[in-house]
Amino acid sequence: MTLSLLCIPFAGSGAGFYRAWPNGGEQGLRIVPLQMPGREERFMEAPYKDAGEAAEDLAGAALRLVGGAERVALFGHSLGAVLAYETARALRARGFDALEHLFVSGSPGPRSGRTGRTAELDDDTFVERVAELAGYRHEALDDPDLRDVLLPLLRADVALHEDYRPVTDEPLTLPVTALRGADDALVSRAQCADWEAATTGPFELRELAGGHMYLTDGSRELLAVIEAAARAART
């Protein structure tokens, strides 16, 4: 039975990042990227400023895309992780019972919060600081014209993550898998482990090769973890 994997972008990215991920595998994985405003086909829309508002919008999009599916999971990296968490809550509140797993990557647990105020730095310092923290620098930020277009979105996304507080402290009941790059200098293993408090369901912490942006080097190992969790859910 196909598992639809709803994927929420990380800061500064769009749904296009996930469109290169392969469908198929033992679980018949179907990659379903969710788009956020301010990027790609939603470029003219203002980016999210509030996580609760974002979750309601993303939950509505999810229902339009996979409302009739029997098996659904959510994945989000960094900013996308906390938005996936809130979207899971919004979907459950709407009575959507097909959601069976939440995968959160590269983010402290929702009660931990982010420290520092990177979003408030001047442009040059902001770009350098984001690259330093993420261990990754997108080449588009070295093009002055593209940088002028991308910086407002990236700054808004970083501010959203830094300002994030959970809509409620009530835990989910879903199985949650938290992931991080083993060499992540931005999110520690202990911070990632804080996701265990976000659910009363089963919890697993997995570390994969790479730094904070480990998933930009390929999806194979990550999708293998997701496939294994999906397989375990059916046994």
C-alpha atoms as a PDB file:
ATOM      1  CA  MET A   1       0.000   0.000   0.000  1.00  0.00           C
ATOM      2  CA  THR A   2       1.473   3.353  -1.061  1.00  0.00           C
ATOM      3  CA  LEU A   3       2.822   5.694   1.613  1.00  0.00           C
ATOM      4  CA  SER A   4       2.423   9.368   0.697  1.00  0.00           C
ATOM      5  CA  LEU A   5       5.281  11.396   2.226  1.00  0.00           C
ATOM      6  CA  LEU A   6       4.355  15.060   2.633  1.00  0.00           C
ATOM      7  CA  CYS A   7       7.572  17.103   2.551  1.00  0.00           C
ATOM      8  CA  ILE A   8       7.836  20.655   3.927  1.00  0.00           C
ATOM      9  CA  PRO A   9      10.693  22.922   2.732  1.00  0.00           C
ATOM     10  CA  PHE A  10      13.534  24.179   4.911  1.00  0.00           C
ATOM     11  CA  ALA A  11      14.378  27.882   5.220  1.00  0.00           C
ATOM     12  CA  GLY A  12      14.923  29.568   1.865  1.00  0.00           C
ATOM     13  CA  SER A  13      13.921  26.511  -0.158  1.00  0.00           C
ATOM     14  CA  GLY A  14      10.802  25.425  -1.978  1.00  0.00           C
ATOM     15  CA  ALA A  15       8.917  22.310  -2.944  1.00  0.00           C
ATOM     16  CA  GLY A  16      11.199  21.915  -5.964  1.00  0.00           C
ATOM     17  CA  PHE A  17      13.959  20.547  -3.706  1.00  0.00           C
ATOM     18  CA  TYR A  18      11.894  17.429  -3.019  1.00  0.00           C
ATOM     19  CA  ARG A  19      10.722  16.865  -6.586  1.00  0.00           C
ATOM     20  CA  ALA A  20      14.056  15.189  -7.355  1.00  0.00           C
ATOM     21  CA  TRP A  21      13.473  12.531  -4.688  1.00  0.00           C
ATOM     22  CA  PRO A  22      12.513   9.158  -6.164  1.00  0.00           C
ATOM     23  CA  ASN A  23       9.143   7.514  -5.770  1.00  0.00           C
ATOM     24  CA  GLY A  24       8.804   3.763  -5.322  1.00  0.00           C
ATOM     25  CA  GLY A  25      10.683   1.344  -3.079  1.00  0.00           C
ATOM     26  CA  GLU A  26       9.220  -1.500  -1.030  1.00  0.00           C
ATOM     27  CA  GLN A  27       6.579   0.737   0.496  1.00  0.00           C
ATOM     28  CA  GLY A  28       5.568   2.325  -2.812  1.00  0.00           C
ATOM     29  CA  LEU A  29       6.734   5.681  -1.461  1.00  0.00           C
ATOM     30  CA  ARG A  30       5.085   8.687  -3.091  1.00  0.00           C
ATOM     31  CA  ILE A  31       6.870  12.008  -2.536  1.00  0.00           C
ATOM     32  CA  VAL A  32       4.355  14.851  -2.119  1.00  0.00           C
ATOM     33  CA  PRO A  33       6.089  18.232  -1.692  1.00  0.00           C
ATOM     34  CA  LEU A  34       4.116  20.997  -0.007  1.00  0.00           C
ATOM     35  CA  GLN A  35       4.775  24.485  -1.297  1.00  0.00           C
ATOM     36  CA  MET A  36       5.108  27.526   0.946  1.00  0.00           C
ATOM     37  CA  PRO A  37       4.408  31.144  -0.028  1.00  0.00           C
ATOM     38  CA  GLY A  38       7.216  33.392  -1.242  1.00  0.00           C
ATOM     39  CA  ARG A  39       8.867  30.788  -3.489  1.00  0.00           C
ATOM     40  CA  GLU A  40       8.522  29.177  -6.904  1.00  0.00           C
ATOM     41  CA  GLU A  41       4.879  29.182  -8.095  1.00  0.00           C
ATOM     42  CA  ARG A  42       3.853  31.059  -4.912  1.00  0.00           C
ATOM     43  CA  PHE A  43       6.597  33.676  -5.311  1.00  0.00           C
ATOM     44  CA  MET A  44       4.247  36.661  -5.216  1.00  0.00           C
ATOM     45  CA  GLU A  45       2.730  35.661  -1.851  1.00  0.00           C
ATOM     46  CA  ALA A  46       4.132  36.939   1.442  1.00  0.00           C
ATOM     47  CA  PRO A  47       6.067  34.293   3.423  1.00  0.00           C
ATOM     48  CA  TYR A  48       4.674  32.925   6.644  1.00  0.00           C
ATOM     49  CA  LYS A  49       5.190  34.949   9.807  1.00  0.00           C
ATOM     50  CA  ASP A  50       3.361  32.682  12.242  1.00  0.00           C
ATOM     51  CA  ALA A  51       3.731  28.911  12.692  1.00  0.00           C
ATOM     52  CA  GLY A  52       0.081  28.375  13.542  1.00  0.00           C
ATOM     53  CA  GLU A  53      -1.049  30.184  10.405  1.00  0.00           C
ATOM     54  CA  ALA A  54       1.474  28.183   8.385  1.00  0.00           C
ATOM     55  CA  ALA A  55       0.229  24.885   9.811  1.00  0.00           C
ATOM     56  CA  GLU A  56      -3.381  25.615   8.896  1.00  0.00           C
ATOM     57  CA  ASP A  57      -2.404  26.558   5.341  1.00  0.00           C
ATOM     58  CA  LEU A  58      -0.156  23.509   4.927  1.00  0.00           C
ATOM     59  CA  ALA A  59      -2.781  21.187   6.426  1.00  0.00           C
ATOM     60  CA  GLY A  60      -5.325  22.469   3.913  1.00  0.00           C
ATOM     61  CA  ALA A  61      -2.881  21.866   1.051  1.00  0.00           C
ATOM     62  CA  ALA A  62      -2.107  18.386   2.403  1.00  0.00           C
ATOM     63  CA  LEU A  63      -5.771  17.436   2.458  1.00  0.00           C
ATOM     64  CA  ARG A  64      -6.201  18.599  -1.124  1.00  0.00           C
ATOM     65  CA  LEU A  65      -3.241  16.478  -2.229  1.00  0.00           C
ATOM     66  CA  VAL A  66      -3.613  13.312  -0.130  1.00  0.00           C
ATOM     67  CA  GLY A  67      -7.051  13.587   1.455  1.00  0.00           C
ATOM     68  CA  GLY A  68      -8.098  10.202   0.094  1.00  0.00           C
ATOM     69  CA  ALA A  69      -4.847   8.362   0.861  1.00  0.00           C
ATOM     70  CA  GLU A  70      -4.788   5.492   3.348  1.00  0.00           C
ATOM     71  CA  ARG A  71      -1.181   5.962   4.521  1.00  0.00           C
ATOM     72  CA  VAL A  72       0.471   9.365   5.001  1.00  0.00           C
ATOM     73  CA  ALA A  73       3.626  10.585   6.752  1.00  0.00           C
ATOM     74  CA  LEU A  74       5.132  14.053   7.214  1.00  0.00           C
ATOM     75  CA  PHE A  75       8.761  15.099   6.777  1.00  0.00           C
ATOM     76  CA  GLY A  76      10.360  18.462   7.446  1.00  0.00           C
ATOM     77  CA  HIS A  77      13.945  19.669   7.825  1.00  0.00           C
ATOM     78  CA  SER A  78      15.064  22.552  10.057  1.00  0.00           C
ATOM     79  CA  LEU A  79      12.268  25.162   9.831  1.00  0.00           C
ATOM     80  CA  GLY A  80      10.291  22.496   7.984  1.00  0.00           C
ATOM     81  CA  ALA A  81      10.540  20.228  11.032  1.00  0.00           C
ATOM     82  CA  VAL A  82       8.623  22.517  13.375  1.00  0.00           C
ATOM     83  CA  LEU A  83       6.124  23.323  10.608  1.00  0.00           C
ATOM     84  CA  ALA A  84       5.643  19.591   9.997  1.00  0.00           C
ATOM     85  CA  TYR A  85       5.006  19.133  13.729  1.00  0.00           C
ATOM     86  CA  GLU A  86       2.367  21.855  13.781  1.00  0.00           C
ATOM     87  CA  THR A  87       0.870  20.592  10.508  1.00  0.00           C
ATOM     88  CA  ALA A  88       0.550  17.108  12.002  1.00  0.00           C
ATOM     89  CA  ARG A  89      -1.380  18.618  14.883  1.00  0.00           C
ATOM     90  CA  ALA A  90      -3.608  20.597  12.493  1.00  0.00           C
ATOM     91  CA  LEU A  91      -4.348  17.500  10.416  1.00  0.00           C
ATOM     92  CA  ARG A  92      -5.276  15.464  13.468  1.00  0.00           C
ATOM     93  CA  ALA A  93      -7.520  18.296  14.663  1.00  0.00           C
ATOM     94  CA  ARG A  94      -9.348  18.067  11.348  1.00  0.00           C
ATOM     95  CA  GLY A  95      -9.967  14.357  11.907  1.00  0.00           C
ATOM     96  CA  PHE A  96      -7.402  13.143   9.353  1.00  0.00           C
ATOM     97  CA  ASP A  97      -6.557   9.646  10.601  1.00  0.00           C
ATOM     98  CA  ALA A  98      -4.352   8.463   7.731  1.00  0.00           C
ATOM     99  CA  LEU A  99      -1.308  10.286   9.155  1.00  0.00           C
ATOM    100  CA  GLU A 100       0.865   7.531  10.645  1.00  0.00           C
ATOM    101  CA  HIS A 101       4.339   9.014  11.241  1.00  0.00           C
ATOM    102  CA  LEU A 102       6.197  12.300  11.699  1.00  0.00           C
ATOM    103  CA  PHE A 103       9.834  12.658  10.587  1.00  0.00           C
ATOM    104  CA  VAL A 104      11.597  15.765  11.924  1.00  0.00           C
ATOM    105  CA  SER A 105      15.112  16.609  10.806  1.00  0.00           C
ATOM    106  CA  GLY A 106      17.796  19.125  11.741  1.00  0.00           C
ATOM    107  CA  SER A 107      15.849  21.014  14.404  1.00  0.00           C
ATOM    108  CA  PRO A 108      15.726  21.231  18.192  1.00  0.00           C
ATOM    109  CA  GLY A 109      12.585  19.836  19.791  1.00  0.00           C
ATOM    110  CA  PRO A 110       9.639  22.238  19.753  1.00  0.00           C
ATOM    111  CA  ARG A 111      10.040  23.143  23.422  1.00  0.00           C
ATOM    112  CA  SER A 112      13.779  23.823  23.082  1.00  0.00           C
ATOM    113  CA  GLY A 113      13.598  26.818  20.760  1.00  0.00           C
ATOM    114  CA  ARG A 114      16.385  28.447  18.793  1.00  0.00           C
ATOM    115  CA  THR A 115      18.966  30.728  20.403  1.00  0.00           C
ATOM    116  CA  GLY A 116      20.431  33.907  18.926  1.00  0.00           C
ATOM    117  CA  ARG A 117      18.942  36.455  16.544  1.00  0.00           C
ATOM    118  CA  THR A 118      20.529  35.715  13.175  1.00  0.00           C
ATOM    119  CA  ALA A 119      17.562  37.180  11.308  1.00  0.00           C
ATOM    120  CA  GLU A 120      18.336  40.673  12.586  1.00  0.00           C
ATOM    121  CA  LEU A 121      21.924  40.876  11.269  1.00  0.00           C
ATOM    122  CA  ASP A 122      22.910  43.073   8.321  1.00  0.00           C
ATOM    123  CA  ASP A 123      22.831  41.386   4.899  1.00  0.00           C
ATOM    124  CA  ASP A 124      26.502  40.412   4.568  1.00  0.00           C
ATOM    125  CA  THR A 125      26.787  39.205   8.150  1.00  0.00           C
ATOM    126  CA  PHE A 126      23.471  37.374   7.856  1.00  0.00           C
ATOM    127  CA  VAL A 127      24.597  35.455   4.758  1.00  0.00           C
ATOM    128  CA  GLU A 128      27.914  34.517   6.353  1.00  0.00           C
ATOM    129  CA  ARG A 129      26.265  33.496   9.620  1.00  0.00           C
ATOM    130  CA  VAL A 130      23.643  31.321   7.927  1.00  0.00           C
ATOM    131  CA  ALA A 131      26.365  29.569   5.915  1.00  0.00           C
ATOM    132  CA  GLU A 132      28.454  29.088   9.061  1.00  0.00           C
ATOM    133  CA  LEU A 133      25.590  27.640  11.072  1.00  0.00           C
ATOM    134  CA  ALA A 134      24.233  25.443   8.307  1.00  0.00           C
ATOM    135  CA  GLY A 135      27.617  24.289   7.054  1.00  0.00           C
ATOM    136  CA  TYR A 136      26.240  24.952   3.586  1.00  0.00           C
ATOM    137  CA  ARG A 137      26.147  27.956   1.274  1.00  0.00           C
ATOM    138  CA  HIS A 138      23.810  28.102  -1.710  1.00  0.00           C
ATOM    139  CA  GLU A 139      25.659  29.402  -4.765  1.00  0.00           C
ATOM    140  CA  ALA A 140      22.723  31.692  -5.602  1.00  0.00           C
ATOM    141  CA  LEU A 141      23.669  33.872  -2.627  1.00  0.00           C
ATOM    142  CA  ASP A 142      26.938  34.742  -4.370  1.00  0.00           C
ATOM    143  CA  ASP A 143      25.057  36.278  -7.312  1.00  0.00           C
ATOM    144  CA  PRO A 144      24.141  39.899  -6.386  1.00  0.00           C
ATOM    145  CA  ASP A 145      20.890  39.901  -8.382  1.00  0.00           C
ATOM    146  CA  LEU A 146      19.710  36.541  -7.065  1.00  0.00           C
ATOM    147  CA  ARG A 147      20.768  37.462  -3.550  1.00  0.00           C
ATOM    148  CA  ASP A 148      18.528  40.534  -3.599  1.00  0.00           C
ATOM    149  CA  VAL A 149      15.601  38.296  -4.536  1.00  0.00           C
ATOM    150  CA  LEU A 150      16.343  35.456  -2.110  1.00  0.00           C
ATOM    151  CA  LEU A 151      17.454  37.326   1.013  1.00  0.00           C
ATOM    152  CA  PRO A 152      14.052  38.667   2.119  1.00  0.00           C
ATOM    153  CA  LEU A 153      12.570  35.167   1.950  1.00  0.00           C
ATOM    154  CA  LEU A 154      15.500  33.540   3.733  1.00  0.00           C
ATOM    155  CA  ARG A 155      15.480  36.224   6.425  1.00  0.00           C
ATOM    156  CA  ALA A 156      11.711  35.792   6.940  1.00  0.00           C
ATOM    157  CA  ASP A 157      12.100  32.008   7.228  1.00  0.00           C
ATOM    158  CA  VAL A 158      14.963  32.286   9.725  1.00  0.00           C
ATOM    159  CA  ALA A 159      12.959  34.775  11.805  1.00  0.00           C
ATOM    160  CA  LEU A 160       9.972  32.410  11.783  1.00  0.00           C
ATOM    161  CA  HIS A 161      12.131  29.588  13.128  1.00  0.00           C
ATOM    162  CA  GLU A 162      13.848  31.777  15.723  1.00  0.00           C
ATOM    163  CA  ASP A 163      10.489  33.147  16.924  1.00  0.00           C
ATOM    164  CA  TYR A 164       8.761  29.752  16.939  1.00  0.00           C
ATOM    165  CA  ARG A 165       6.948  28.591  20.046  1.00  0.00           C
ATOM    166  CA  PRO A 166       4.614  25.556  20.052  1.00  0.00           C
ATOM    167  CA  VAL A 167       0.942  26.328  19.566  1.00  0.00           C
ATOM    168  CA  THR A 168       0.280  24.028  22.538  1.00  0.00           C
ATOM    169  CA  ASP A 169       2.339  21.866  24.897  1.00  0.00           C
ATOM    170  CA  GLU A 170      -0.011  18.913  24.454  1.00  0.00           C
ATOM    171  CA  PRO A 171       2.036  16.092  22.863  1.00  0.00           C
ATOM    172  CA  LEU A 172       1.129  14.216  19.734  1.00  0.00           C
ATOM    173  CA  THR A 173       0.264  10.516  19.842  1.00  0.00           C
ATOM    174  CA  LEU A 174       2.059   9.729  16.558  1.00  0.00           C
ATOM    175  CA  PRO A 175       5.313   7.805  16.174  1.00  0.00           C
ATOM    176  CA  VAL A 176       8.102  10.384  15.728  1.00  0.00           C
ATOM    177  CA  THR A 177      11.529   9.864  14.206  1.00  0.00           C
ATOM    178  CA  ALA A 178      14.039  12.680  14.765  1.00  0.00           C
ATOM    179  CA  LEU A 179      17.016  12.868  12.417  1.00  0.00           C
ATOM    180  CA  ARG A 180      20.224  14.886  12.314  1.00  0.00           C
ATOM    181  CA  GLY A 181      23.519  14.906  10.508  1.00  0.00           C
ATOM    182  CA  ALA A 182      26.141  13.317  12.758  1.00  0.00           C
ATOM    183  CA  ASP A 183      28.402  16.359  12.212  1.00  0.00           C
ATOM    184  CA  ASP A 184      25.660  18.976  12.614  1.00  0.00           C
ATOM    185  CA  ALA A 185      27.199  22.009  14.348  1.00  0.00           C
ATOM    186  CA  LEU A 186      23.854  23.815  14.595  1.00  0.00           C
ATOM    187  CA  VAL A 187      21.634  21.193  16.268  1.00  0.00           C
ATOM    188  CA  SER A 188      23.144  18.887  18.886  1.00  0.00           C
ATOM    189  CA  ARG A 189      22.155  15.302  19.527  1.00  0.00           C
ATOM    190  CA  ALA A 190      20.657  16.373  22.875  1.00  0.00           C
ATOM    191  CA  GLN A 191      18.552  19.077  21.215  1.00  0.00           C
ATOM    192  CA  CYS A 192      17.342  16.595  18.613  1.00  0.00           C
ATOM    193  CA  ALA A 193      16.488  14.100  21.364  1.00  0.00           C
ATOM    194  CA  ASP A 194      14.137  16.692  22.881  1.00  0.00           C
ATOM    195  CA  TRP A 195      11.604  15.677  20.218  1.00  0.00           C
ATOM    196  CA  GLU A 196      10.807  12.649  22.388  1.00  0.00           C
ATOM    197  CA  ALA A 197       8.767  14.934  24.651  1.00  0.00           C
ATOM    198  CA  ALA A 198       6.645  15.995  21.680  1.00  0.00           C
ATOM    199  CA  THR A 199       4.773  12.690  21.499  1.00  0.00           C
ATOM    200  CA  THR A 200       3.354   9.940  23.675  1.00  0.00           C
ATOM    201  CA  GLY A 201       3.910   7.527  20.803  1.00  0.00           C
ATOM    202  CA  PRO A 202       7.069   5.610  19.840  1.00  0.00           C
ATOM    203  CA  PHE A 203      10.209   7.723  19.373  1.00  0.00           C
ATOM    204  CA  GLU A 204      13.487   7.084  17.576  1.00  0.00           C
ATOM    205  CA  LEU A 205      16.562   9.267  17.061  1.00  0.00           C
ATOM    206  CA  ARG A 206      18.683   8.583  13.984  1.00  0.00           C
ATOM    207  CA  GLU A 207      21.970  10.196  12.954  1.00  0.00           C
ATOM    208  CA  LEU A 208      23.005  10.169   9.308  1.00  0.00           C
ATOM    209  CA  ALA A 209      26.322  11.008   7.664  1.00  0.00           C
ATOM    210  CA  GLY A 210      26.937  14.719   7.116  1.00  0.00           C
ATOM    211  CA  GLY A 211      26.348  18.108   8.686  1.00  0.00           C
ATOM    212  CA  HIS A 212      23.251  20.205   9.187  1.00  0.00           C
ATOM    213  CA  MET A 213      22.363  20.106   5.484  1.00  0.00           C
ATOM    214  CA  TYR A 214      23.167  16.413   5.063  1.00  0.00           C
ATOM    215  CA  LEU A 215      20.109  15.909   2.844  1.00  0.00           C
ATOM    216  CA  THR A 216      21.524  18.144   0.092  1.00  0.00           C
ATOM    217  CA  ASP A 217      24.110  15.431  -0.614  1.00  0.00           C
ATOM    218  CA  GLY A 218      21.435  12.899  -1.539  1.00  0.00           C
ATOM    219  CA  SER A 219      18.278  11.294  -0.274  1.00  0.00           C
ATOM    220  CA  ARG A 220      19.152   7.581  -0.348  1.00  0.00           C
ATOM    221  CA  GLU A 221      20.085   7.066   3.320  1.00  0.00           C
ATOM    222  CA  LEU A 222      17.268   9.300   4.555  1.00  0.00           C
ATOM    223  CA  LEU A 223      14.622   7.575   2.448  1.00  0.00           C
ATOM    224  CA  ALA A 224      15.930   4.211   3.648  1.00  0.00           C
ATOM    225  CA  VAL A 225      15.186   5.287   7.231  1.00  0.00           C
ATOM    226  CA  ILE A 226      11.687   6.377   6.213  1.00  0.00           C
ATOM    227  CA  GLU A 227      11.099   3.128   4.320  1.00  0.00           C
ATOM    228  CA  ALA A 228      12.219   1.080   7.343  1.00  0.00           C
ATOM    229  CA  ALA A 229       9.845   2.955   9.659  1.00  0.00           C
ATOM    230  CA  ALA A 230       6.994   2.502   7.196  1.00  0.00           C
ATOM    231  CA  ARG A 231       7.757  -1.222   6.929  1.00  0.00           C
ATOM    232  CA  ALA A 232       7.822  -1.592  10.720  1.00  0.00           C
ATOM    233  CA  ALA A 233       4.435   0.096  10.955  1.00  0.00           C
ATOM    234  CA  ARG A 234       2.920  -2.651   8.794  1.00  0.00           C
ATOM    235  CA  THR A 235       4.300  -5.590  10.813  1.00  0.00           C
END
